[in-house]
Amino acid sequence: MSGQVKEERSLTLVQRWPKTSTFLLSSSASIVAELSTFPLELTKTRLQMQGEAALNRYRFLKHCTPYRGMIKTTIGIIREEGFLKLWQGGVSAVYRQVVYTGFRMVIYEYLRDSVFGKSANNEYPLWQSVIGGMVSGAFAQFVCTPADLVKVQMQMEGIRKLQGKPLRFQGVHHAFLKILREGGLRGLWVGWVPNVQRAALVNMGDLATYDSVKRLVLLNTSLEDNILTHSLASICSGLVACFLGTPADVIKSRVMNQPTDKKGRGLLYKSSTDCLIQSVKGEGFMSLYKGFLPGWLRMMPWSMVFWLTYEKIRLLSGVDPF
């Protein structure tokens, strides 16, 4: 018995608590990636709200925000609201990333390594990566939907100020409390359906693509498990994740940002499906890809920063490569 105790004491903290370590290491990497690319996330959300067809039904909700592209929107935010407003909603985004990334990485690696089981030479079919990515992303996103809701609404506060409307929130924590007070616990999960759908698609594209591309590169080229391989895999994962997730992201942002009545019911959309139908009918199919360019330009460096940081942190902590 004493021998077993000595053996356990000789293990590192990472070896003793592998899942907790995965949660903390991935969360740390996601914070670095989130803060360094957040201005593009803000720009993407603002673009997704432009030309919302459903507003035509409510004259008192109309506004004259001009159509802008990615660069003009970014410059406009800096000129009209201030440079630091490019990080408005960033605190809530960090909260969201810590929970979301921590859970999705723990669940994905558990499914990959323990449930499905990798072969001795690390080979496993693509469908396992796809299922693992979708399941881990959906669960993680459901848990962190309140933080995502606050992030989206905080990102639109600058628009309200320019329109002469009173600001809804004094800060991130006030936003959480106000939404909880007005809509109850269910109010914090407004828009969770498109949110979970988006996360399942994005996570499938991100994790399955990164995992598969990295494995294919290592098996079929002379490249080693280093920064170049990680960079190639992360670039591919960012592109696929953005392409798959943008339509659901547009719907999610619109449902979460819509005004509500006294009972917390949306005034513009009855459901995510209703939002999808109204957007396509009123603005065309390509409205589902509004904000794609800043979304991709953000997803690509976000994916690269996250994966390079995560792989490096794992290496320094004595954990096997992802």
Foldseek 3Di string as FASTA:
>chain_A
DVVVVVVQVPDDPCVNDVLVVLLVLLLVLLLVLCVVQQLLVLLLLVQLPPPQQLCVVPPVPDDCPDHDDSVVSSVCCCVQPNDVLSCFLVVLVSVLSSQLRSQLRSQLCCQDPPVQHADPLRDDDLVSLLVSQLVSQLVSQQVSQLSVLLSLQRSCQSVCVVRVHDGPAPGSVRSSVVQCVQANPVSSCFLSVLRSVLRSQLSSLQRSQLSVQLVCCCVPHPDDPDLVSNLVSLQRSLVRSLVRRQLSVSLSSCRSNADADSNSQGPRANHSVRSQVSCCVRPNPCSSCRSSVSSSVSSSSSSSSSQNSSQVSCVVSVHDGD
